[in-house]
Amino acid sequence: MLNERIKQLRIDRNITQVALAKDLSVSKQSVSNWENNNIQPSIDMLIKIAEFFSVSTDYLLGLDNKKYVEIAGLSDIKIAHIQQIINDMRESV
């Protein structure tokens, strides 16, 4: 599950393994190994991956399906606009 979540999050963001590796300060081989389920990231790296993709470690591990949007530093008005967009998208599905 972890390998699939990392790969899908990377693909959804249109990021290559090389770019993700650079952003996480690891080798491309590490990312490839995670995605192919050859090795697991360390706990510290798991946290870093979760922060990078704005998801919880529980999400990465398949324990929940919640995703988050980072809103720190936005005004209340901007947050309200984002919430309205999310609500509109949910209604249109």
C-alpha atoms as a PDB file:
ATOM      1  CA  MET A   1       0.000   0.000   0.000  1.00  0.00           C
ATOM      2  CA  LEU A   2       2.764   2.484   0.933  1.00  0.00           C
ATOM      3  CA  ASN A   3       4.556   1.973  -2.363  1.00  0.00           C
ATOM      4  CA  GLU A   4       1.331   2.522  -4.318  1.00  0.00           C
ATOM      5  CA  ARG A   5       0.447   5.668  -2.371  1.00  0.00           C
ATOM      6  CA  ILE A   6       3.867   7.246  -2.905  1.00  0.00           C
ATOM      7  CA  LYS A   7       3.801   6.453  -6.618  1.00  0.00           C
ATOM      8  CA  GLN A   8       0.238   7.716  -7.099  1.00  0.00           C
ATOM      9  CA  LEU A   9       0.872  10.947  -5.209  1.00  0.00           C
ATOM     10  CA  ARG A  10       3.976  11.543  -7.314  1.00  0.00           C
ATOM     11  CA  ILE A  11       2.139  10.849 -10.550  1.00  0.00           C
ATOM     12  CA  ASP A  12      -0.835  12.999  -9.515  1.00  0.00           C
ATOM     13  CA  ARG A  13       1.559  15.917  -9.007  1.00  0.00           C
ATOM     14  CA  ASN A  14       3.284  15.197 -12.321  1.00  0.00           C
ATOM     15  CA  ILE A  15       6.651  14.827 -10.589  1.00  0.00           C
ATOM     16  CA  THR A  16       9.388  12.504 -11.830  1.00  0.00           C
ATOM     17  CA  GLN A  17      11.220  10.145  -9.511  1.00  0.00           C
ATOM     18  CA  VAL A  18      14.311  12.277 -10.033  1.00  0.00           C
ATOM     19  CA  ALA A  19      12.491  15.478  -9.009  1.00  0.00           C
ATOM     20  CA  LEU A  20      10.954  13.835  -5.942  1.00  0.00           C
ATOM     21  CA  ALA A  21      14.333  12.435  -4.940  1.00  0.00           C
ATOM     22  CA  LYS A  22      15.887  15.886  -5.233  1.00  0.00           C
ATOM     23  CA  ASP A  23      13.119  17.501  -3.149  1.00  0.00           C
ATOM     24  CA  LEU A  24      13.507  14.839  -0.440  1.00  0.00           C
ATOM     25  CA  SER A  25      17.336  14.844  -0.605  1.00  0.00           C
ATOM     26  CA  VAL A  26      17.569  11.151  -1.467  1.00  0.00           C
ATOM     27  CA  SER A  27      18.702   9.236  -4.529  1.00  0.00           C
ATOM     28  CA  LYS A  28      16.417   8.436  -7.441  1.00  0.00           C
ATOM     29  CA  GLN A  29      17.141   4.800  -6.628  1.00  0.00           C
ATOM     30  CA  SER A  30      15.593   5.249  -3.171  1.00  0.00           C
ATOM     31  CA  VAL A  31      12.360   6.561  -4.680  1.00  0.00           C
ATOM     32  CA  SER A  32      12.351   3.745  -7.220  1.00  0.00           C
ATOM     33  CA  ASN A  33      12.900   1.179  -4.462  1.00  0.00           C
ATOM     34  CA  TRP A  34      10.037   2.607  -2.383  1.00  0.00           C
ATOM     35  CA  GLU A  35       7.679   2.549  -5.349  1.00  0.00           C
ATOM     36  CA  ASN A  36       8.680  -0.995  -6.303  1.00  0.00           C
ATOM     37  CA  ASN A  37       8.256  -2.146  -2.705  1.00  0.00           C
ATOM     38  CA  ASN A  38      11.898  -3.229  -2.491  1.00  0.00           C
ATOM     39  CA  ILE A  39      12.592  -1.147   0.628  1.00  0.00           C
ATOM     40  CA  GLN A  40      10.569   1.012   2.991  1.00  0.00           C
ATOM     41  CA  PRO A  41      11.455   4.594   3.838  1.00  0.00           C
ATOM     42  CA  SER A  42      12.649   5.267   7.375  1.00  0.00           C
ATOM     43  CA  ILE A  43      10.197   6.728   9.858  1.00  0.00           C
ATOM     44  CA  ASP A  44      11.844  10.126   9.509  1.00  0.00           C
ATOM     45  CA  MET A  45      11.589   9.904   5.721  1.00  0.00           C
ATOM     46  CA  LEU A  46       7.967   8.753   5.945  1.00  0.00           C
ATOM     47  CA  ILE A  47       7.185  11.950   7.829  1.00  0.00           C
ATOM     48  CA  LYS A  48       9.082  14.006   5.258  1.00  0.00           C
ATOM     49  CA  ILE A  49       7.165  12.342   2.404  1.00  0.00           C
ATOM     50  CA  ALA A  50       3.852  12.997   4.165  1.00  0.00           C
ATOM     51  CA  GLU A  51       4.740  16.656   4.668  1.00  0.00           C
ATOM     52  CA  PHE A  52       5.873  17.009   1.058  1.00  0.00           C
ATOM     53  CA  PHE A  53       2.578  15.656  -0.290  1.00  0.00           C
ATOM     54  CA  SER A  54       0.398  17.289   2.423  1.00  0.00           C
ATOM     55  CA  VAL A  55      -1.003  13.962   3.580  1.00  0.00           C
ATOM     56  CA  SER A  56      -0.818  12.156   6.894  1.00  0.00           C
ATOM     57  CA  THR A  57       1.471   9.246   7.594  1.00  0.00           C
ATOM     58  CA  ASP A  58      -1.737   7.270   8.196  1.00  0.00           C
ATOM     59  CA  TYR A  59      -2.761   8.046   4.618  1.00  0.00           C
ATOM     60  CA  LEU A  60       0.604   6.856   3.281  1.00  0.00           C
ATOM     61  CA  LEU A  61       0.301   3.659   5.293  1.00  0.00           C
ATOM     62  CA  GLY A  62      -3.260   3.031   4.095  1.00  0.00           C
ATOM     63  CA  LEU A  63      -4.834   3.555   7.512  1.00  0.00           C
ATOM     64  CA  ASP A  64      -7.103   6.370   6.292  1.00  0.00           C
ATOM     65  CA  ASN A  65      -8.023   8.034   3.030  1.00  0.00           C
ATOM     66  CA  LYS A  66      -8.008  11.666   4.115  1.00  0.00           C
ATOM     67  CA  LYS A  67      -5.964  14.180   2.155  1.00  0.00           C
ATOM     68  CA  TYR A  68      -5.237  17.699   3.337  1.00  0.00           C
ATOM     69  CA  VAL A  69      -4.699  21.113   1.824  1.00  0.00           C
ATOM     70  CA  GLU A  70      -2.092  23.295   3.499  1.00  0.00           C
ATOM     71  CA  ILE A  71      -3.705  26.643   4.304  1.00  0.00           C
ATOM     72  CA  ALA A  72      -1.206  28.078   6.765  1.00  0.00           C
ATOM     73  CA  GLY A  73      -0.584  31.747   6.093  1.00  0.00           C
ATOM     74  CA  LEU A  74      -3.792  32.309   4.143  1.00  0.00           C
ATOM     75  CA  SER A  75      -6.355  34.848   5.277  1.00  0.00           C
ATOM     76  CA  ASP A  76      -9.755  33.726   6.526  1.00  0.00           C
ATOM     77  CA  ILE A  77     -11.308  35.088   3.334  1.00  0.00           C
ATOM     78  CA  LYS A  78      -8.981  33.017   1.142  1.00  0.00           C
ATOM     79  CA  ILE A  79      -9.659  29.926   3.245  1.00  0.00           C
ATOM     80  CA  ALA A  80     -13.398  30.505   2.839  1.00  0.00           C
ATOM     81  CA  HIS A  81     -12.947  30.751  -0.940  1.00  0.00           C
ATOM     82  CA  ILE A  82     -11.024  27.475  -1.012  1.00  0.00           C
ATOM     83  CA  GLN A  83     -13.707  25.792   1.096  1.00  0.00           C
ATOM     84  CA  GLN A  84     -16.391  27.038  -1.286  1.00  0.00           C
ATOM     85  CA  ILE A  85     -14.494  25.666  -4.279  1.00  0.00           C
ATOM     86  CA  ILE A  86     -14.228  22.290  -2.531  1.00  0.00           C
ATOM     87  CA  ASN A  87     -17.937  22.336  -1.702  1.00  0.00           C
ATOM     88  CA  ASP A  88     -18.813  23.189  -5.314  1.00  0.00           C
ATOM     89  CA  MET A  89     -16.636  20.358  -6.591  1.00  0.00           C
ATOM     90  CA  ARG A  90     -18.270  17.861  -4.241  1.00  0.00           C
ATOM     91  CA  GLU A  91     -21.737  18.912  -5.416  1.00  0.00           C
ATOM     92  CA  SER A  92     -20.801  18.560  -9.083  1.00  0.00           C
ATOM     93  CA  VAL A  93     -19.657  14.936  -8.751  1.00  0.00           C
END
